[in-house]
Amino acid sequence: MSKFVIKAEKCRIFIEQVLTELGASSAMASKWGQLIVETSLLGFDSHGIRMLERYIAHIEGGGIDLSAEPEIVKQHNGCVHIDAKGLVILPPIKQHR
């Protein structure tokens, strides 16, 4: 069996292009591309590149809102309640104190 390898940077760019075509802003597409690829590189393919097809289906079906901005609803000690507002992957959120 032959092995086919795609470089992480090319994969990230592809994901960004797909998400942009689906309506994501370039900033959101960039965050998703980075997170999806990094997740796979860390060994968590179950939540990384392997999920791209499912994410696309959810976006097209209206289950994921690419324009959503996560909001911290409540914070107590080390616990944070975040309303993702239709996002499956949360982009990095500013640290709140």
Protein backbone atom coordinates (compact mmCIF):
# COMPACT_ATOMS: atom_id res chain seq x y z
CA MET A 1 0.00 0.00 0.00
CA SER A 2 1.40 3.39 -0.96
CA LYS A 3 1.44 6.29 1.47
CA PHE A 4 0.08 9.69 0.46
CA VAL A 5 1.16 12.68 2.54
CA ILE A 6 -0.22 16.21 2.35
CA LYS A 7 1.78 18.95 4.05
CA ALA A 8 -0.02 20.67 6.91
CA GLU A 9 0.26 24.12 5.32
CA LYS A 10 -1.38 22.95 2.07
CA CYS A 11 -4.14 21.28 4.04
CA ARG A 12 -4.75 24.44 6.07
CA ILE A 13 -4.96 26.55 2.92
CA PHE A 14 -7.40 24.07 1.35
CA ILE A 15 -9.64 24.14 4.44
CA GLU A 16 -9.58 27.95 4.46
CA GLN A 17 -10.59 28.05 0.78
CA VAL A 18 -13.45 25.61 1.32
CA LEU A 19 -14.79 27.50 4.34
CA THR A 20 -14.48 30.86 2.57
CA GLU A 21 -16.52 29.47 -0.34
CA LEU A 22 -19.14 28.38 2.20
CA GLY A 23 -19.42 31.93 3.53
CA ALA A 24 -16.87 32.20 6.34
CA SER A 25 -14.95 35.44 6.70
CA SER A 26 -11.25 35.10 5.92
CA ALA A 27 -10.47 35.55 9.63
CA MET A 28 -12.91 32.79 10.67
CA ALA A 29 -11.73 30.46 7.89
CA SER A 30 -8.13 31.03 8.99
CA LYS A 31 -8.95 30.20 12.63
CA TRP A 32 -10.84 27.04 11.64
CA GLY A 33 -8.06 25.98 9.25
CA GLN A 34 -5.42 26.38 11.93
CA LEU A 35 -7.45 24.58 14.59
CA ILE A 36 -8.52 21.66 12.40
CA VAL A 37 -4.98 21.00 11.14
CA GLU A 38 -3.37 21.52 14.55
CA THR A 39 -5.85 19.13 16.13
CA SER A 40 -4.85 16.42 13.66
CA LEU A 41 -1.15 17.16 14.10
CA LEU A 42 -1.61 16.67 17.84
CA GLY A 43 -3.03 13.22 17.12
CA PHE A 44 -6.73 13.96 17.58
CA ASP A 45 -7.94 13.11 14.07
CA SER A 46 -11.40 12.36 15.47
CA HIS A 47 -11.81 16.14 15.86
CA GLY A 48 -9.40 17.29 13.15
CA ILE A 49 -9.14 16.92 9.39
CA ARG A 50 -11.25 13.78 9.43
CA MET A 51 -14.24 15.91 10.53
CA LEU A 52 -14.09 18.37 7.62
CA GLU A 53 -16.74 16.58 5.57
CA ARG A 54 -19.11 16.53 8.56
CA TYR A 55 -18.45 20.22 9.29
CA ILE A 56 -19.27 21.07 5.67
CA ALA A 57 -22.54 19.12 5.87
CA HIS A 58 -23.51 20.95 9.08
CA ILE A 59 -22.64 24.33 7.55
CA GLU A 60 -24.69 23.60 4.43
CA GLY A 61 -27.56 22.30 6.57
CA GLY A 62 -27.59 25.41 8.77
CA GLY A 63 -26.34 23.68 11.92
CA ILE A 64 -23.16 25.73 12.07
CA ASP A 65 -23.27 29.52 11.82
CA LEU A 66 -19.95 30.71 10.39
CA SER A 67 -20.68 34.29 11.42
CA ALA A 68 -21.33 33.41 15.08
CA GLU A 69 -19.20 35.01 17.76
CA PRO A 70 -18.86 32.98 20.97
CA GLU A 71 -19.81 34.78 24.17
CA ILE A 72 -18.85 34.11 27.77
CA VAL A 73 -22.16 33.88 29.60
CA LYS A 74 -20.92 33.12 33.10
CA GLN A 75 -17.57 32.68 34.79
CA HIS A 76 -16.93 31.35 38.27
CA ASN A 77 -13.51 30.32 39.58
CA GLY A 78 -12.09 27.89 37.01
CA CYS A 79 -15.39 27.27 35.19
CA VAL A 80 -16.56 29.19 32.16
CA HIS A 81 -19.97 28.86 30.48
CA ILE A 82 -19.63 29.77 26.81
CA ASP A 83 -22.50 30.17 24.36
CA ALA A 84 -20.91 29.08 21.08
CA LYS A 85 -23.92 30.38 19.11
CA GLY A 86 -23.80 27.66 16.49
CA LEU A 87 -20.07 27.12 16.29
CA VAL A 88 -18.68 23.61 16.62
CA ILE A 89 -15.06 24.70 16.91
CA LEU A 90 -14.42 27.67 19.14
CA PRO A 91 -11.78 30.04 17.85
CA PRO A 92 -9.45 31.39 20.53
CA ILE A 93 -11.33 33.74 22.81
CA LYS A 94 -9.77 36.74 24.50
CA GLN A 95 -8.84 36.03 28.06
CA HIS A 96 -11.32 37.57 30.47
CA ARG A 97 -10.50 38.38 34.08
